[in-house]
Amino acid sequence: MPIIEASVNVSKPVEKVFEYITNFENQKKLNNMLTDIIVSGPVAVGTKVKYKGTVMGRAFETENQIVALEPNKKLGIKTKAAPPASDVTNTYLLEQAGAGTKLIAQMDTVITGGFPGVEEMVKNQLIGTLNQTLAAMKQAIEA
């Protein structure tokens, strides 16, 4: 499966956008299902990040690890999935765009389906989710 990608332009400098996306507590502002975020240490490659929350009254936890980090350029986070699901790597790329920043979100995942067309349907849903997330990030960063 190719990498799924979406982007948004943010009217803040790259440094401010990077600061926002590497402060994991900001995820709570974007996702009201999250109740706790536990970061194992300073933001660096190898740092583990655990998200805890509730969905429809059920508790969940996800185990994540920072797999790529280039200040003001890139943040990659791998989410470990329980079988039969596959791990997912989400990468944020930042590019100078005039006085602002182009924020690109990429999702590297495996999509399988039981019937024809399901992969394209899921891919489109994931792109929609990335676009919603980026729009919320843009609004929060520019506020």
N, C-alpha and C. Protein backbone atom coordinates (compact mmCIF):
# COMPACT_ATOMS: atom_id res chain seq x y z
N MET A 1 0.84 -1.17 0.00
CA MET A 1 0.00 0.00 0.00
C MET A 1 0.88 1.23 0.00
N PRO A 2 0.62 2.17 -0.88
CA PRO A 2 1.40 3.41 -0.86
C PRO A 2 1.08 4.23 0.38
N ILE A 3 1.94 5.17 0.67
CA ILE A 3 1.74 6.04 1.81
C ILE A 3 0.57 6.97 1.53
N ILE A 4 -0.30 7.14 2.52
CA ILE A 4 -1.44 8.04 2.43
C ILE A 4 -0.97 9.40 2.92
N GLU A 5 -1.35 10.47 2.21
CA GLU A 5 -0.79 11.78 2.52
C GLU A 5 -1.83 12.88 2.41
N ALA A 6 -1.70 13.89 3.27
CA ALA A 6 -2.51 15.10 3.21
C ALA A 6 -1.64 16.24 3.73
N SER A 7 -2.01 17.47 3.39
CA SER A 7 -1.22 18.60 3.86
C SER A 7 -2.09 19.82 4.09
N VAL A 8 -1.53 20.78 4.83
CA VAL A 8 -2.21 22.03 5.12
C VAL A 8 -1.13 23.11 5.28
N ASN A 9 -1.48 24.33 4.93
CA ASN A 9 -0.57 25.46 5.16
C ASN A 9 -0.97 26.14 6.46
N VAL A 10 0.02 26.39 7.31
CA VAL A 10 -0.19 27.01 8.61
C VAL A 10 0.54 28.36 8.59
N SER A 11 -0.13 29.40 9.03
CA SER A 11 0.47 30.73 8.97
C SER A 11 1.33 31.04 10.20
N LYS A 12 2.15 30.09 10.55
CA LYS A 12 3.12 30.26 11.64
C LYS A 12 4.46 29.69 11.16
N PRO A 13 5.56 30.17 11.73
CA PRO A 13 6.88 29.66 11.31
C PRO A 13 7.06 28.18 11.64
N VAL A 14 7.94 27.54 10.91
CA VAL A 14 8.23 26.12 11.08
C VAL A 14 8.54 25.79 12.54
N GLU A 15 9.30 26.62 13.21
CA GLU A 15 9.68 26.35 14.60
C GLU A 15 8.47 26.24 15.52
N LYS A 16 7.48 27.11 15.31
CA LYS A 16 6.27 27.08 16.15
C LYS A 16 5.43 25.83 15.86
N VAL A 17 5.35 25.45 14.60
CA VAL A 17 4.59 24.25 14.23
C VAL A 17 5.27 23.02 14.82
N PHE A 18 6.60 22.94 14.70
CA PHE A 18 7.33 21.80 15.24
C PHE A 18 7.17 21.72 16.75
N GLU A 19 7.25 22.86 17.41
CA GLU A 19 7.06 22.91 18.86
C GLU A 19 5.69 22.36 19.24
N TYR A 20 4.67 22.72 18.48
CA TYR A 20 3.31 22.25 18.76
C TYR A 20 3.19 20.73 18.58
N ILE A 21 3.69 20.20 17.46
CA ILE A 21 3.49 18.76 17.20
C ILE A 21 4.36 17.88 18.08
N THR A 22 5.43 18.41 18.66
CA THR A 22 6.27 17.60 19.53
C THR A 22 5.89 17.74 21.01
N ASN A 23 4.89 18.57 21.30
CA ASN A 23 4.34 18.65 22.65
C ASN A 23 3.12 17.73 22.66
N PHE A 24 3.30 16.51 23.11
CA PHE A 24 2.25 15.49 23.02
C PHE A 24 1.00 15.83 23.82
N GLU A 25 1.12 16.68 24.82
CA GLU A 25 -0.07 17.10 25.58
C GLU A 25 -1.07 17.80 24.68
N ASN A 26 -0.61 18.39 23.58
CA ASN A 26 -1.53 19.05 22.65
C ASN A 26 -2.50 18.06 22.01
N GLN A 27 -2.15 16.78 22.00
CA GLN A 27 -3.05 15.77 21.42
C GLN A 27 -4.38 15.71 22.16
N LYS A 28 -4.35 15.98 23.47
CA LYS A 28 -5.59 15.98 24.25
C LYS A 28 -6.55 17.06 23.76
N LYS A 29 -6.01 18.19 23.31
CA LYS A 29 -6.84 19.28 22.82
C LYS A 29 -7.48 18.92 21.48
N LEU A 30 -6.83 18.04 20.73
CA LEU A 30 -7.32 17.66 19.42
C LEU A 30 -8.24 16.45 19.45
N ASN A 31 -8.13 15.65 20.51
CA ASN A 31 -8.88 14.40 20.58
C ASN A 31 -9.48 14.26 21.97
N ASN A 32 -10.78 14.52 22.09
CA ASN A 32 -11.42 14.48 23.41
C ASN A 32 -11.57 13.08 23.98
N MET A 33 -11.21 12.05 23.22
CA MET A 33 -11.24 10.68 23.74
C MET A 33 -10.01 10.39 24.59
N LEU A 34 -8.95 11.17 24.45
CA LEU A 34 -7.73 10.94 25.21
C LEU A 34 -7.86 11.47 26.62
N THR A 35 -7.46 10.63 27.58
CA THR A 35 -7.51 11.03 28.98
C THR A 35 -6.12 11.18 29.58
N ASP A 36 -5.13 10.50 29.01
CA ASP A 36 -3.78 10.56 29.56
C ASP A 36 -2.77 10.27 28.46
N ILE A 37 -1.64 10.94 28.54
CA ILE A 37 -0.52 10.71 27.63
C ILE A 37 0.73 10.58 28.49
N ILE A 38 1.41 9.46 28.35
CA ILE A 38 2.60 9.20 29.14
C ILE A 38 3.79 9.11 28.19
N VAL A 39 4.75 10.02 28.38
CA VAL A 39 5.95 10.08 27.54
C VAL A 39 7.12 9.58 28.39
N SER A 40 7.89 8.61 27.86
CA SER A 40 8.92 7.94 28.65
C SER A 40 10.17 8.78 28.88
N GLY A 41 10.28 9.93 28.26
CA GLY A 41 11.47 10.76 28.44
C GLY A 41 11.44 11.92 27.48
N PRO A 42 12.58 12.56 27.30
CA PRO A 42 12.64 13.68 26.35
C PRO A 42 12.26 13.22 24.94
N VAL A 43 11.72 14.14 24.16
CA VAL A 43 11.34 13.83 22.78
C VAL A 43 12.61 13.55 21.98
N ALA A 44 12.75 12.27 21.59
CA ALA A 44 13.93 11.81 20.85
C ALA A 44 13.58 10.49 20.17
N VAL A 45 14.35 10.10 19.18
CA VAL A 45 14.13 8.79 18.56
C VAL A 45 14.26 7.73 19.65
N GLY A 46 13.28 6.85 19.71
CA GLY A 46 13.26 5.79 20.72
C GLY A 46 12.33 6.07 21.89
N THR A 47 11.97 7.33 22.09
CA THR A 47 11.06 7.68 23.19
C THR A 47 9.71 7.00 22.96
N LYS A 48 9.17 6.44 24.04
CA LYS A 48 7.86 5.78 23.96
C LYS A 48 6.78 6.73 24.45
N VAL A 49 5.63 6.65 23.76
CA VAL A 49 4.49 7.50 24.10
C VAL A 49 3.26 6.59 24.20
N LYS A 50 2.62 6.62 25.37
CA LYS A 50 1.42 5.81 25.57
C LYS A 50 0.21 6.74 25.65
N TYR A 51 -0.78 6.45 24.82
CA TYR A 51 -2.04 7.19 24.85
C TYR A 51 -3.07 6.33 25.56
N LYS A 52 -3.82 6.94 26.49
CA LYS A 52 -4.92 6.27 27.16
C LYS A 52 -6.18 7.09 26.94
N GLY A 53 -7.30 6.39 26.82
CA GLY A 53 -8.55 7.10 26.63
C GLY A 53 -9.74 6.18 26.68
N THR A 54 -10.87 6.72 26.27
CA THR A 54 -12.10 5.92 26.21
C THR A 54 -12.83 6.21 24.91
N VAL A 55 -13.38 5.15 24.34
CA VAL A 55 -14.21 5.25 23.14
C VAL A 55 -15.50 4.50 23.45
N MET A 56 -16.61 5.20 23.34
CA MET A 56 -17.91 4.60 23.59
C MET A 56 -17.93 3.84 24.92
N GLY A 57 -17.34 4.45 25.95
CA GLY A 57 -17.34 3.87 27.28
C GLY A 57 -16.30 2.80 27.52
N ARG A 58 -15.51 2.47 26.52
CA ARG A 58 -14.48 1.43 26.68
C ARG A 58 -13.10 2.06 26.73
N ALA A 59 -12.30 1.61 27.68
CA ALA A 59 -10.94 2.11 27.82
C ALA A 59 -10.04 1.53 26.73
N PHE A 60 -9.07 2.33 26.31
CA PHE A 60 -8.08 1.84 25.37
C PHE A 60 -6.71 2.43 25.70
N GLU A 61 -5.68 1.76 25.23
CA GLU A 61 -4.30 2.23 25.33
C GLU A 61 -3.61 1.93 24.02
N THR A 62 -2.76 2.85 23.58
CA THR A 62 -1.93 2.56 22.42
C THR A 62 -0.48 2.78 22.80
N GLU A 63 0.36 1.90 22.31
CA GLU A 63 1.81 2.00 22.51
C GLU A 63 2.42 2.58 21.25
N ASN A 64 3.18 3.64 21.41
CA ASN A 64 3.79 4.34 20.29
C ASN A 64 5.27 4.56 20.58
N GLN A 65 6.02 4.80 19.51
CA GLN A 65 7.44 5.09 19.67
C GLN A 65 7.87 6.08 18.60
N ILE A 66 8.66 7.06 19.02
CA ILE A 66 9.20 8.02 18.05
C ILE A 66 10.26 7.29 17.24
N VAL A 67 10.08 7.26 15.92
CA VAL A 67 11.01 6.54 15.03
C VAL A 67 11.78 7.47 14.12
N ALA A 68 11.40 8.75 14.07
CA ALA A 68 12.12 9.73 13.27
C ALA A 68 11.96 11.09 13.91
N LEU A 69 13.04 11.85 13.97
CA LEU A 69 12.99 13.18 14.54
C LEU A 69 14.10 14.02 13.96
N GLU A 70 13.72 15.06 13.24
CA GLU A 70 14.65 16.06 12.73
C GLU A 70 14.06 17.40 13.11
N PRO A 71 14.72 18.13 14.01
CA PRO A 71 14.16 19.40 14.48
C PRO A 71 13.70 20.29 13.33
N ASN A 72 12.46 20.78 13.47
CA ASN A 72 11.83 21.70 12.53
C ASN A 72 11.63 21.12 11.13
N LYS A 73 11.79 19.79 10.99
CA LYS A 73 11.62 19.16 9.68
C LYS A 73 10.73 17.92 9.71
N LYS A 74 10.87 17.08 10.75
CA LYS A 74 10.22 15.76 10.67
C LYS A 74 9.98 15.17 12.05
N LEU A 75 8.80 14.52 12.20
CA LEU A 75 8.47 13.73 13.38
C LEU A 75 7.76 12.48 12.89
N GLY A 76 8.30 11.31 13.23
CA GLY A 76 7.68 10.04 12.86
C GLY A 76 7.35 9.24 14.10
N ILE A 77 6.12 8.73 14.16
CA ILE A 77 5.66 7.97 15.32
C ILE A 77 5.05 6.66 14.84
N LYS A 78 5.54 5.57 15.38
CA LYS A 78 5.01 4.24 15.04
C LYS A 78 4.07 3.78 16.14
N THR A 79 2.87 3.39 15.73
CA THR A 79 1.87 2.86 16.66
C THR A 79 1.84 1.35 16.51
N LYS A 80 2.04 0.67 17.62
CA LYS A 80 2.03 -0.79 17.60
C LYS A 80 0.59 -1.27 17.65
N ALA A 81 0.27 -2.21 16.79
CA ALA A 81 -1.09 -2.74 16.70
C ALA A 81 -1.11 -4.21 17.11
N ALA A 82 -2.19 -4.60 17.76
CA ALA A 82 -2.36 -6.01 18.12
C ALA A 82 -2.77 -6.79 16.88
N PRO A 83 -2.21 -7.98 16.71
CA PRO A 83 -2.60 -8.82 15.56
C PRO A 83 -4.11 -9.08 15.60
N PRO A 84 -4.75 -9.13 14.48
CA PRO A 84 -4.21 -9.25 13.13
C PRO A 84 -3.92 -7.90 12.46
N ALA A 85 -4.14 -6.78 13.17
CA ALA A 85 -3.86 -5.47 12.59
C ALA A 85 -2.36 -5.28 12.40
N SER A 86 -2.00 -4.30 11.59
CA SER A 86 -0.60 -3.99 11.33
C SER A 86 -0.21 -2.68 12.01
N ASP A 87 1.07 -2.57 12.35
CA ASP A 87 1.57 -1.32 12.90
C ASP A 87 1.35 -0.20 11.88
N VAL A 88 1.24 1.02 12.39
CA VAL A 88 1.04 2.21 11.55
C VAL A 88 2.11 3.22 11.91
N THR A 89 2.74 3.81 10.90
CA THR A 89 3.69 4.89 11.13
C THR A 89 3.12 6.18 10.57
N ASN A 90 2.98 7.16 11.45
CA ASN A 90 2.53 8.49 11.06
C ASN A 90 3.73 9.42 11.08
N THR A 91 3.93 10.12 9.97
CA THR A 91 5.06 11.04 9.86
C THR A 91 4.54 12.42 9.52
N TYR A 92 5.07 13.41 10.23
CA TYR A 92 4.77 14.81 9.94
C TYR A 92 6.02 15.44 9.36
N LEU A 93 5.87 16.06 8.20
CA LEU A 93 6.95 16.76 7.54
C LEU A 93 6.62 18.25 7.52
N LEU A 94 7.61 19.08 7.77
CA LEU A 94 7.40 20.51 7.79
C LEU A 94 8.28 21.16 6.73
N GLU A 95 7.68 22.04 5.94
CA GLU A 95 8.41 22.76 4.90
C GLU A 95 8.08 24.24 5.01
N GLN A 96 9.10 25.07 4.83
CA GLN A 96 8.88 26.52 4.79
C GLN A 96 7.95 26.84 3.63
N ALA A 97 6.95 27.67 3.88
CA ALA A 97 6.01 28.09 2.83
C ALA A 97 5.79 29.59 3.01
N GLY A 98 6.63 30.39 2.38
CA GLY A 98 6.58 31.83 2.60
C GLY A 98 6.93 32.13 4.04
N ALA A 99 6.05 32.90 4.72
CA ALA A 99 6.27 33.20 6.14
C ALA A 99 5.69 32.10 7.03
N GLY A 100 5.04 31.12 6.43
CA GLY A 100 4.39 30.06 7.19
C GLY A 100 5.03 28.70 6.96
N THR A 101 4.22 27.66 7.18
CA THR A 101 4.70 26.28 7.12
C THR A 101 3.72 25.41 6.37
N LYS A 102 4.23 24.58 5.50
CA LYS A 102 3.42 23.52 4.92
C LYS A 102 3.61 22.31 5.82
N LEU A 103 2.53 21.84 6.42
CA LEU A 103 2.55 20.67 7.31
C LEU A 103 1.97 19.50 6.55
N ILE A 104 2.77 18.47 6.36
CA ILE A 104 2.38 17.28 5.60
C ILE A 104 2.26 16.11 6.57
N ALA A 105 1.14 15.41 6.51
CA ALA A 105 0.93 14.21 7.32
C ALA A 105 0.93 13.01 6.39
N GLN A 106 1.75 12.03 6.73
CA GLN A 106 1.81 10.79 5.96
C GLN A 106 1.48 9.62 6.87
N MET A 107 0.74 8.67 6.35
CA MET A 107 0.39 7.46 7.09
C MET A 107 0.84 6.25 6.29
N ASP A 108 1.71 5.47 6.89
CA ASP A 108 2.20 4.25 6.26
C ASP A 108 1.56 3.07 6.98
N THR A 109 0.62 2.43 6.28
CA THR A 109 -0.13 1.34 6.90
C THR A 109 -0.48 0.29 5.85
N VAL A 110 -0.92 -0.83 6.31
CA VAL A 110 -1.37 -1.90 5.42
C VAL A 110 -2.89 -1.94 5.50
N ILE A 111 -3.53 -1.92 4.35
CA ILE A 111 -4.99 -2.01 4.30
C ILE A 111 -5.35 -3.27 3.53
N THR A 112 -6.12 -4.11 4.18
CA THR A 112 -6.59 -5.32 3.50
C THR A 112 -8.10 -5.36 3.62
N GLY A 113 -8.71 -6.00 2.68
CA GLY A 113 -10.16 -6.05 2.72
C GLY A 113 -10.69 -7.38 2.25
N GLY A 114 -11.90 -7.65 2.62
CA GLY A 114 -12.51 -8.91 2.27
C GLY A 114 -13.30 -8.87 0.97
N PHE A 115 -13.47 -7.68 0.41
CA PHE A 115 -14.23 -7.59 -0.83
C PHE A 115 -13.63 -6.50 -1.72
N PRO A 116 -13.90 -6.58 -3.02
CA PRO A 116 -13.32 -5.61 -3.94
C PRO A 116 -13.74 -4.18 -3.59
N GLY A 117 -12.79 -3.27 -3.67
CA GLY A 117 -13.06 -1.87 -3.43
C GLY A 117 -12.87 -1.41 -1.99
N VAL A 118 -12.71 -2.35 -1.06
CA VAL A 118 -12.60 -1.96 0.34
C VAL A 118 -11.31 -1.16 0.59
N GLU A 119 -10.22 -1.51 -0.06
CA GLU A 119 -8.96 -0.79 0.15
C GLU A 119 -9.11 0.68 -0.23
N GLU A 120 -9.72 0.95 -1.38
CA GLU A 120 -9.91 2.34 -1.82
C GLU A 120 -10.84 3.09 -0.87
N MET A 121 -11.88 2.43 -0.39
CA MET A 121 -12.81 3.04 0.54
C MET A 121 -12.10 3.42 1.85
N VAL A 122 -11.31 2.49 2.38
CA VAL A 122 -10.58 2.74 3.63
C VAL A 122 -9.54 3.84 3.41
N LYS A 123 -8.85 3.79 2.29
CA LYS A 123 -7.86 4.82 1.98
C LYS A 123 -8.51 6.20 1.98
N ASN A 124 -9.66 6.34 1.34
CA ASN A 124 -10.36 7.62 1.30
C ASN A 124 -10.79 8.07 2.69
N GLN A 125 -11.22 7.12 3.53
CA GLN A 125 -11.59 7.46 4.91
C GLN A 125 -10.37 7.95 5.69
N LEU A 126 -9.23 7.29 5.49
CA LEU A 126 -8.00 7.70 6.18
C LEU A 126 -7.54 9.08 5.72
N ILE A 127 -7.65 9.37 4.43
CA ILE A 127 -7.30 10.70 3.93
C ILE A 127 -8.22 11.74 4.57
N GLY A 128 -9.50 11.42 4.68
CA GLY A 128 -10.44 12.33 5.34
C GLY A 128 -10.06 12.59 6.78
N THR A 129 -9.64 11.54 7.48
CA THR A 129 -9.21 11.67 8.87
C THR A 129 -7.97 12.54 8.97
N LEU A 130 -6.99 12.32 8.07
CA LEU A 130 -5.79 13.16 8.06
C LEU A 130 -6.14 14.61 7.82
N ASN A 131 -7.03 14.87 6.88
CA ASN A 131 -7.43 16.25 6.59
C ASN A 131 -8.11 16.90 7.79
N GLN A 132 -8.97 16.15 8.51
CA GLN A 132 -9.63 16.68 9.70
C GLN A 132 -8.61 16.99 10.80
N THR A 133 -7.66 16.08 10.98
CA THR A 133 -6.63 16.28 11.99
C THR A 133 -5.79 17.50 11.67
N LEU A 134 -5.37 17.63 10.41
CA LEU A 134 -4.56 18.78 10.01
C LEU A 134 -5.32 20.09 10.16
N ALA A 135 -6.61 20.09 9.83
CA ALA A 135 -7.42 21.30 9.98
C ALA A 135 -7.50 21.71 11.46
N ALA A 136 -7.67 20.73 12.34
CA ALA A 136 -7.73 21.01 13.78
C ALA A 136 -6.38 21.51 14.28
N MET A 137 -5.29 20.92 13.79
CA MET A 137 -3.96 21.36 14.19
C MET A 137 -3.72 22.80 13.73
N LYS A 138 -4.07 23.09 12.49
CA LYS A 138 -3.91 24.43 11.94
C LYS A 138 -4.64 25.45 12.81
N GLN A 139 -5.88 25.14 13.13
CA GLN A 139 -6.68 26.06 13.94
C GLN A 139 -6.04 26.28 15.32
N ALA A 140 -5.58 25.21 15.94
CA ALA A 140 -4.97 25.31 17.27
C ALA A 140 -3.64 26.07 17.22
N ILE A 141 -2.83 25.80 16.23
CA ILE A 141 -1.52 26.45 16.12
C ILE A 141 -1.67 27.94 15.81
N GLU A 142 -2.64 28.28 14.99
CA GLU A 142 -2.82 29.68 14.58
C GLU A 142 -3.56 30.51 15.63
N ALA A 143 -4.18 29.85 16.61
CA ALA A 143 -4.98 30.58 17.63
C ALA A 143 -4.09 31.43 18.51
